[in-house]
Every structure is written in structure tokens, then in C-alpha cells.
PDB file of N, CA and C in Angstrom:
ATOM      1  N   MET A   1       4.821  10.775  -9.695  1.00  0.00           N
ATOM      2  CA  MET A   1       4.788  10.105 -10.978  1.00  0.00           C
ATOM      3  C   MET A   1       4.083  10.988 -12.001  1.00  0.00           C
ATOM      4  N   ASN A   2       4.832  11.637 -12.832  1.00  0.00           N
ATOM      5  CA  ASN A   2       4.241  12.525 -13.809  1.00  0.00           C
ATOM      6  C   ASN A   2       4.018  11.862 -15.155  1.00  0.00           C
ATOM      7  N   ASP A   3       4.533  10.657 -15.332  1.00  0.00           N
ATOM      8  CA  ASP A   3       4.404   9.951 -16.594  1.00  0.00           C
ATOM      9  C   ASP A   3       2.989   9.392 -16.727  1.00  0.00           C
ATOM     10  N   LEU A   4       2.215   9.949 -17.648  1.00  0.00           N
ATOM     11  CA  LEU A   4       0.833   9.510 -17.825  1.00  0.00           C
ATOM     12  C   LEU A   4       0.709   8.338 -18.782  1.00  0.00           C
ATOM     13  N   THR A   5       1.805   7.835 -19.291  1.00  0.00           N
ATOM     14  CA  THR A   5       1.769   6.677 -20.181  1.00  0.00           C
ATOM     15  C   THR A   5       2.229   5.452 -19.403  1.00  0.00           C
ATOM     16  N   ARG A   6       1.483   5.099 -18.407  1.00  0.00           N
ATOM     17  CA  ARG A   6       1.820   3.935 -17.573  1.00  0.00           C
ATOM     18  C   ARG A   6       1.607   2.673 -18.400  1.00  0.00           C
ATOM     19  N   GLY A   7       2.656   1.887 -18.536  1.00  0.00           N
ATOM     20  CA  GLY A   7       2.579   0.709 -19.377  1.00  0.00           C
ATOM     21  C   GLY A   7       2.407  -0.595 -18.630  1.00  0.00           C
ATOM     22  N   GLU A   8       2.528  -0.578 -17.334  1.00  0.00           N
ATOM     23  CA  GLU A   8       2.431  -1.815 -16.560  1.00  0.00           C
ATOM     24  C   GLU A   8       1.181  -1.815 -15.690  1.00  0.00           C
ATOM     25  N   ARG A   9       0.556  -2.966 -15.615  1.00  0.00           N
ATOM     26  CA  ARG A   9      -0.632  -3.139 -14.779  1.00  0.00           C
ATOM     27  C   ARG A   9      -0.233  -3.938 -13.552  1.00  0.00           C
ATOM     28  N   LEU A  10      -0.679  -3.490 -12.394  1.00  0.00           N
ATOM     29  CA  LEU A  10      -0.438  -4.184 -11.136  1.00  0.00           C
ATOM     30  C   LEU A  10      -1.791  -4.566 -10.563  1.00  0.00           C
ATOM     31  N   GLN A  11      -2.005  -5.848 -10.387  1.00  0.00           N
ATOM     32  CA  GLN A  11      -3.273  -6.319  -9.853  1.00  0.00           C
ATOM     33  C   GLN A  11      -3.028  -6.891  -8.471  1.00  0.00           C
ATOM     34  N   ILE A  12      -3.825  -6.469  -7.489  1.00  0.00           N
ATOM     35  CA  ILE A  12      -3.695  -6.986  -6.130  1.00  0.00           C
ATOM     36  C   ILE A  12      -5.061  -7.422  -5.622  1.00  0.00           C
ATOM     37  N   MET A  13      -5.031  -8.330  -4.677  1.00  0.00           N
ATOM     38  CA  MET A  13      -6.246  -8.786  -4.011  1.00  0.00           C
ATOM     39  C   MET A  13      -6.228  -8.212  -2.599  1.00  0.00           C
ATOM     40  N   LEU A  14      -7.357  -7.668  -2.146  1.00  0.00           N
ATOM     41  CA  LEU A  14      -7.471  -7.107  -0.806  1.00  0.00           C
ATOM     42  C   LEU A  14      -8.617  -7.759  -0.058  1.00  0.00           C
ATOM     43  N   ALA A  15      -8.436  -7.910   1.240  1.00  0.00           N
ATOM     44  CA  ALA A  15      -9.536  -8.348   2.106  1.00  0.00           C
ATOM     45  C   ALA A  15     -10.515  -7.181   2.217  1.00  0.00           C
ATOM     46  N   GLN A  16     -11.731  -7.462   2.595  1.00  0.00           N
ATOM     47  CA  GLN A  16     -12.751  -6.421   2.714  1.00  0.00           C
ATOM     48  C   GLN A  16     -12.301  -5.311   3.666  1.00  0.00           C
ATOM     49  N   GLU A  17     -11.676  -5.677   4.767  1.00  0.00           N
ATOM     50  CA  GLU A  17     -11.189  -4.687   5.742  1.00  0.00           C
ATOM     51  C   GLU A  17     -10.116  -3.784   5.120  1.00  0.00           C
ATOM     52  N   GLU A  18      -9.246  -4.359   4.314  1.00  0.00           N
ATOM     53  CA  GLU A  18      -8.200  -3.585   3.658  1.00  0.00           C
ATOM     54  C   GLU A  18      -8.797  -2.624   2.627  1.00  0.00           C
ATOM     55  N   LEU A  19      -9.777  -3.095   1.881  1.00  0.00           N
ATOM     56  CA  LEU A  19     -10.432  -2.261   0.883  1.00  0.00           C
ATOM     57  C   LEU A  19     -11.173  -1.102   1.550  1.00  0.00           C
ATOM     58  N   GLU A  20     -11.828  -1.367   2.662  1.00  0.00           N
ATOM     59  CA  GLU A  20     -12.527  -0.313   3.396  1.00  0.00           C
ATOM     60  C   GLU A  20     -11.544   0.733   3.922  1.00  0.00           C
ATOM     61  N   ALA A  21     -10.384   0.289   4.406  1.00  0.00           N
ATOM     62  CA  ALA A  21      -9.364   1.219   4.890  1.00  0.00           C
ATOM     63  C   ALA A  21      -8.852   2.083   3.735  1.00  0.00           C
ATOM     64  N   LEU A  22      -8.600   1.465   2.585  1.00  0.00           N
ATOM     65  CA  LEU A  22      -8.134   2.206   1.409  1.00  0.00           C
ATOM     66  C   LEU A  22      -9.180   3.230   0.975  1.00  0.00           C
ATOM     67  N   ASP A  23     -10.426   2.804   0.888  1.00  0.00           N
ATOM     68  CA  ASP A  23     -11.489   3.715   0.459  1.00  0.00           C
ATOM     69  C   ASP A  23     -11.681   4.858   1.445  1.00  0.00           C
ATOM     70  N   SER A  24     -11.624   4.572   2.734  1.00  0.00           N
ATOM     71  CA  SER A  24     -11.760   5.635   3.737  1.00  0.00           C
ATOM     72  C   SER A  24     -10.647   6.664   3.582  1.00  0.00           C
ATOM     73  N   TRP A  25      -9.410   6.181   3.434  1.00  0.00           N
ATOM     74  CA  TRP A  25      -8.263   7.071   3.254  1.00  0.00           C
ATOM     75  C   TRP A  25      -8.441   7.904   1.985  1.00  0.00           C
ATOM     76  N   ARG A  26      -8.860   7.233   0.928  1.00  0.00           N
ATOM     77  CA  ARG A  26      -9.056   7.907  -0.360  1.00  0.00           C
ATOM     78  C   ARG A  26     -10.120   8.994  -0.286  1.00  0.00           C
ATOM     79  N   PHE A  27     -11.253   8.688   0.307  1.00  0.00           N
ATOM     80  CA  PHE A  27     -12.350   9.657   0.351  1.00  0.00           C
ATOM     81  C   PHE A  27     -12.027  10.840   1.260  1.00  0.00           C
ATOM     82  N   GLN A  28     -11.310  10.602   2.355  1.00  0.00           N
ATOM     83  CA  GLN A  28     -10.912  11.691   3.251  1.00  0.00           C
ATOM     84  C   GLN A  28     -10.014  12.692   2.538  1.00  0.00           C
ATOM     85  N   ARG A  29      -9.267  12.226   1.552  1.00  0.00           N
ATOM     86  CA  ARG A  29      -8.325  13.072   0.832  1.00  0.00           C
ATOM     87  C   ARG A  29      -8.820  13.452  -0.563  1.00  0.00           C
ATOM     88  N   ARG A  30     -10.053  13.086  -0.852  1.00  0.00           N
ATOM     89  CA  ARG A  30     -10.686  13.411  -2.140  1.00  0.00           C
ATOM     90  C   ARG A  30      -9.854  12.939  -3.333  1.00  0.00           C
ATOM     91  N   MET A  31      -9.339  11.726  -3.214  1.00  0.00           N
ATOM     92  CA  MET A  31      -8.558  11.140  -4.304  1.00  0.00           C
ATOM     93  C   MET A  31      -9.529  10.728  -5.412  1.00  0.00           C
ATOM     94  N   PRO A  32      -9.151  10.880  -6.672  1.00  0.00           N
ATOM     95  CA  PRO A  32     -10.077  10.611  -7.767  1.00  0.00           C
ATOM     96  C   PRO A  32     -10.376   9.133  -8.014  1.00  0.00           C
ATOM     97  N   SER A  33      -9.480   8.238  -7.579  1.00  0.00           N
ATOM     98  CA  SER A  33      -9.687   6.817  -7.852  1.00  0.00           C
ATOM     99  C   SER A  33      -8.903   5.977  -6.851  1.00  0.00           C
ATOM    100  N   ARG A  34      -9.244   4.699  -6.781  1.00  0.00           N
ATOM    101  CA  ARG A  34      -8.471   3.770  -5.946  1.00  0.00           C
ATOM    102  C   ARG A  34      -7.039   3.684  -6.453  1.00  0.00           C
ATOM    103  N   ALA A  35      -6.872   3.662  -7.771  1.00  0.00           N
ATOM    104  CA  ALA A  35      -5.530   3.573  -8.343  1.00  0.00           C
ATOM    105  C   ALA A  35      -4.682   4.769  -7.919  1.00  0.00           C
ATOM    106  N   ALA A  36      -5.260   5.963  -7.954  1.00  0.00           N
ATOM    107  CA  ALA A  36      -4.521   7.159  -7.533  1.00  0.00           C
ATOM    108  C   ALA A  36      -4.154   7.068  -6.057  1.00  0.00           C
ATOM    109  N   ALA A  37      -5.075   6.558  -5.247  1.00  0.00           N
ATOM    110  CA  ALA A  37      -4.814   6.411  -3.816  1.00  0.00           C
ATOM    111  C   ALA A  37      -3.687   5.410  -3.571  1.00  0.00           C
ATOM    112  N   VAL A  38      -3.703   4.298  -4.280  1.00  0.00           N
ATOM    113  CA  VAL A  38      -2.655   3.290  -4.124  1.00  0.00           C
ATOM    114  C   VAL A  38      -1.314   3.863  -4.558  1.00  0.00           C
ATOM    115  N   ARG A  39      -1.279   4.587  -5.676  1.00  0.00           N
ATOM    116  CA  ARG A  39      -0.022   5.203  -6.119  1.00  0.00           C
ATOM    117  C   ARG A  39       0.499   6.185  -5.081  1.00  0.00           C
ATOM    118  N   GLU A  40      -0.390   6.994  -4.500  1.00  0.00           N
ATOM    119  CA  GLU A  40       0.023   7.960  -3.478  1.00  0.00           C
ATOM    120  C   GLU A  40       0.545   7.255  -2.229  1.00  0.00           C
ATOM    121  N   LEU A  41      -0.127   6.195  -1.811  1.00  0.00           N
ATOM    122  CA  LEU A  41       0.335   5.441  -0.645  1.00  0.00           C
ATOM    123  C   LEU A  41       1.678   4.778  -0.910  1.00  0.00           C
ATOM    124  N   LEU A  42       1.880   4.246  -2.108  1.00  0.00           N
ATOM    125  CA  LEU A  42       3.177   3.661  -2.470  1.00  0.00           C
ATOM    126  C   LEU A  42       4.271   4.722  -2.427  1.00  0.00           C
ATOM    127  N   LYS A  43       3.984   5.880  -2.982  1.00  0.00           N
ATOM    128  CA  LYS A  43       4.959   6.969  -2.993  1.00  0.00           C
ATOM    129  C   LYS A  43       5.322   7.375  -1.564  1.00  0.00           C
ATOM    130  N   ARG A  44       4.311   7.521  -0.714  1.00  0.00           N
ATOM    131  CA  ARG A  44       4.554   7.900   0.682  1.00  0.00           C
ATOM    132  C   ARG A  44       5.311   6.815   1.437  1.00  0.00           C
ATOM    133  N   GLY A  45       4.943   5.574   1.208  1.00  0.00           N
ATOM    134  CA  GLY A  45       5.609   4.472   1.883  1.00  0.00           C
ATOM    135  C   GLY A  45       7.068   4.362   1.495  1.00  0.00           C
ATOM    136  N   LEU A  46       7.352   4.503   0.218  1.00  0.00           N
ATOM    137  CA  LEU A  46       8.739   4.441  -0.241  1.00  0.00           C
ATOM    138  C   LEU A  46       9.549   5.612   0.311  1.00  0.00           C
ATOM    139  N   ALA A  47       8.936   6.779   0.352  1.00  0.00           N
ATOM    140  CA  ALA A  47       9.640   7.948   0.878  1.00  0.00           C
ATOM    141  C   ALA A  47       9.901   7.799   2.376  1.00  0.00           C
ATOM    142  N   ALA A  48       8.944   7.245   3.097  1.00  0.00           N
ATOM    143  CA  ALA A  48       9.081   7.106   4.552  1.00  0.00           C
ATOM    144  C   ALA A  48      10.049   6.010   4.948  1.00  0.00           C
ATOM    145  N   GLU A  49      10.062   4.936   4.203  1.00  0.00           N
ATOM    146  CA  GLU A  49      10.850   3.764   4.569  1.00  0.00           C
ATOM    147  C   GLU A  49      12.099   3.574   3.719  1.00  0.00           C
ATOM    148  N   GLY A  50      12.275   4.371   2.714  1.00  0.00           N
ATOM    149  CA  GLY A  50      13.390   4.155   1.809  1.00  0.00           C
ATOM    150  C   GLY A  50      13.057   3.013   0.869  1.00  0.00           C
ATOM    151  N   PHE A  51      14.064   2.404   0.309  1.00  0.00           N
ATOM    152  CA  PHE A  51      13.847   1.312  -0.627  1.00  0.00           C
ATOM    153  C   PHE A  51      14.281  -0.001  -0.009  1.00  0.00           C
ATOM    154  N   ASP A  52      13.736  -0.299   1.161  1.00  0.00           N
ATOM    155  CA  ASP A  52      14.057  -1.545   1.846  1.00  0.00           C
ATOM    156  C   ASP A  52      13.636  -2.740   1.006  1.00  0.00           C
ATOM    157  N   VAL A  53      14.420  -3.773   1.070  1.00  0.00           N
ATOM    158  CA  VAL A  53      14.119  -5.008   0.352  1.00  0.00           C
ATOM    159  C   VAL A  53      13.544  -6.010   1.346  1.00  0.00           C
ATOM    160  N   ALA A  54      12.488  -6.687   0.954  1.00  0.00           N
ATOM    161  CA  ALA A  54      11.880  -7.695   1.813  1.00  0.00           C
ATOM    162  C   ALA A  54      12.852  -8.843   2.026  1.00  0.00           C
ATOM    163  N   GLN A  55      12.737  -9.478   3.159  1.00  0.00           N
ATOM    164  CA  GLN A  55      13.583 -10.632   3.452  1.00  0.00           C
ATOM    165  C   GLN A  55      13.264 -11.754   2.478  1.00  0.00           C
ATOM    166  N   GLY A  56      14.284 -12.517   2.088  1.00  0.00           N
ATOM    167  CA  GLY A  56      14.091 -13.628   1.174  1.00  0.00           C
ATOM    168  C   GLY A  56      13.090 -14.635   1.703  1.00  0.00           C
ATOM    169  N   GLY A  57      12.357 -15.250   0.818  1.00  0.00           N
ATOM    170  CA  GLY A  57      11.389 -16.269   1.200  1.00  0.00           C
ATOM    171  C   GLY A  57      10.053 -15.715   1.655  1.00  0.00           C
ATOM    172  N   SER A  58       9.856 -14.415   1.561  1.00  0.00           N
ATOM    173  CA  SER A  58       8.586 -13.818   1.966  1.00  0.00           C
ATOM    174  C   SER A  58       7.491 -14.192   0.970  1.00  0.00           C
ATOM    175  N   LYS A  59       6.284 -14.307   1.482  1.00  0.00           N
ATOM    176  CA  LYS A  59       5.133 -14.617   0.643  1.00  0.00           C
ATOM    177  C   LYS A  59       4.219 -13.407   0.589  1.00  0.00           C
ATOM    178  N   SER A  60       3.392 -13.352  -0.405  1.00  0.00           N
ATOM    179  CA  SER A  60       2.464 -12.248  -0.568  1.00  0.00           C
ATOM    180  C   SER A  60       1.598 -12.059   0.672  1.00  0.00           C
ATOM    181  N   GLN A  61       1.180 -13.160   1.283  1.00  0.00           N
ATOM    182  CA  GLN A  61       0.307 -13.076   2.459  1.00  0.00           C
ATOM    183  C   GLN A  61       0.998 -12.437   3.656  1.00  0.00           C
ATOM    184  N   ASP A  62       2.335 -12.319   3.618  1.00  0.00           N
ATOM    185  CA  ASP A  62       3.078 -11.689   4.707  1.00  0.00           C
ATOM    186  C   ASP A  62       2.954 -10.170   4.705  1.00  0.00           C
ATOM    187  N   PHE A  63       2.393  -9.612   3.641  1.00  0.00           N
ATOM    188  CA  PHE A  63       2.290  -8.162   3.501  1.00  0.00           C
ATOM    189  C   PHE A  63       0.830  -7.748   3.503  1.00  0.00           C
ATOM    190  N   GLY A  64       0.323  -7.288   4.640  1.00  0.00           N
ATOM    191  CA  GLY A  64      -1.053  -6.832   4.746  1.00  0.00           C
ATOM    192  C   GLY A  64      -1.117  -5.318   4.805  1.00  0.00           C
ATOM    193  N   VAL A  65      -2.261  -4.775   4.511  1.00  0.00           N
ATOM    194  CA  VAL A  65      -2.452  -3.337   4.557  1.00  0.00           C
ATOM    195  C   VAL A  65      -2.829  -2.891   5.963  1.00  0.00           C
ATOM    196  N   THR A  66      -3.695  -3.637   6.629  1.00  0.00           N
ATOM    197  CA  THR A  66      -4.205  -3.193   7.922  1.00  0.00           C
ATOM    198  C   THR A  66      -3.656  -3.991   9.094  1.00  0.00           C
ATOM    199  N   GLY A  67      -2.870  -5.016   8.838  1.00  0.00           N
ATOM    200  CA  GLY A  67      -2.376  -5.845   9.923  1.00  0.00           C
ATOM    201  C   GLY A  67      -0.871  -5.820  10.039  1.00  0.00           C
ATOM    202  N   LYS A  68      -0.347  -6.845  10.666  1.00  0.00           N
ATOM    203  CA  LYS A  68       1.093  -6.949  10.869  1.00  0.00           C
ATOM    204  C   LYS A  68       1.781  -7.384   9.592  1.00  0.00           C
ATOM    205  N   SER A  69       3.001  -6.936   9.432  1.00  0.00           N
ATOM    206  CA  SER A  69       3.814  -7.321   8.287  1.00  0.00           C
ATOM    207  C   SER A  69       5.042  -8.035   8.808  1.00  0.00           C
ATOM    208  N   SER A  70       5.017  -9.345   8.766  1.00  0.00           N
ATOM    209  CA  SER A  70       6.137 -10.111   9.302  1.00  0.00           C
ATOM    210  C   SER A  70       7.319 -10.132   8.356  1.00  0.00           C
ATOM    211  N   ALA A  71       7.087  -9.896   7.082  1.00  0.00           N
ATOM    212  CA  ALA A  71       8.168  -9.992   6.103  1.00  0.00           C
ATOM    213  C   ALA A  71       9.213  -8.892   6.257  1.00  0.00           C
ATOM    214  N   MET A  72       8.822  -7.745   6.737  1.00  0.00           N
ATOM    215  CA  MET A  72       9.755  -6.645   6.898  1.00  0.00           C
ATOM    216  C   MET A  72      10.264  -6.567   8.337  1.00  0.00           C
ATOM    217  N   GLY A  73       9.836  -7.514   9.175  1.00  0.00           N
ATOM    218  CA  GLY A  73      10.281  -7.516  10.553  1.00  0.00           C
ATOM    219  C   GLY A  73       9.636  -6.432  11.393  1.00  0.00           C
ATOM    220  N   GLN A  74       8.481  -5.930  10.949  1.00  0.00           N
ATOM    221  CA  GLN A  74       7.794  -4.867  11.661  1.00  0.00           C
ATOM    222  C   GLN A  74       6.527  -5.417  12.280  1.00  0.00           C
ATOM    223  N   ASN A  75       6.162  -4.898  13.433  1.00  0.00           N
ATOM    224  CA  ASN A  75       4.924  -5.284  14.093  1.00  0.00           C
ATOM    225  C   ASN A  75       4.071  -4.067  14.337  1.00  0.00           C
ATOM    226  N   LYS A  76       3.862  -3.287  13.304  1.00  0.00           N
ATOM    227  CA  LYS A  76       3.069  -2.069  13.389  1.00  0.00           C
ATOM    228  C   LYS A  76       1.711  -2.322  12.757  1.00  0.00           C
ATOM    229  N   THR A  77       0.719  -1.592  13.203  1.00  0.00           N
ATOM    230  CA  THR A  77      -0.564  -1.617  12.533  1.00  0.00           C
ATOM    231  C   THR A  77      -0.771  -0.232  11.920  1.00  0.00           C
ATOM    232  N   VAL A  78      -1.570  -0.156  10.880  1.00  0.00           N
ATOM    233  CA  VAL A  78      -1.825   1.088  10.203  1.00  0.00           C
ATOM    234  C   VAL A  78      -2.706   1.959  11.095  1.00  0.00           C
ATOM    235  N   SER A  79      -2.342   3.201  11.245  1.00  0.00           N
ATOM    236  CA  SER A  79      -3.139   4.148  12.026  1.00  0.00           C
ATOM    237  C   SER A  79      -3.572   5.289  11.131  1.00  0.00           C
ATOM    238  N   GLY A  80      -4.300   6.188  11.676  1.00  0.00           N
ATOM    239  CA  GLY A  80      -4.819   7.312  10.915  1.00  0.00           C
ATOM    240  C   GLY A  80      -3.837   8.443  10.752  1.00  0.00           C
ATOM    241  N   GLU A  81      -2.564   8.208  10.895  1.00  0.00           N
ATOM    242  CA  GLU A  81      -1.582   9.267  10.791  1.00  0.00           C
ATOM    243  C   GLU A  81      -1.417   9.750   9.370  1.00  0.00           C
TER     244      GLU A  81
END
């Protein structure tokens, strides 16, 4: 994302465990901010998974950072890869 005139704000709520995982990942990679880390993770996730669409009827709580994601039909946990 080279466009520095970002016009949209995205606000998310994270559990303490999710925030700690994000911060650990960010600090290991010397990312300048949480926002930069989230953008990088989104970019990597989209590149790795393509542009899959969530199943209809999914709720926000179905998408966790550190736990299972039932909305995408995956039972993976986040690892240090």
C-alpha cells in the first residue's frame, strides 16, 4: 500500500491475548506502529489465502487472531511462522 492518503478508518476490538500476539509480532519485526503491523498482516493474509469470501451469516466473533476461525471453515491456530 503506497497510498499515504488513507481515507478510511478501521476500528477493531482485540482480546488481551490477541493484542499481545500482535505486539510481539510487531516488535520482533521492528514495525513502527500497530497500524503498520495490522496492514502488513492483512497484506500477507490476503496474499497467502487469496481473496476468499467468508461464508454467509458469519459474525465478527467468528474471526479471532489467536484462536480458531469457524467462519472460513479452518481449524488452524496462529503460529510463529
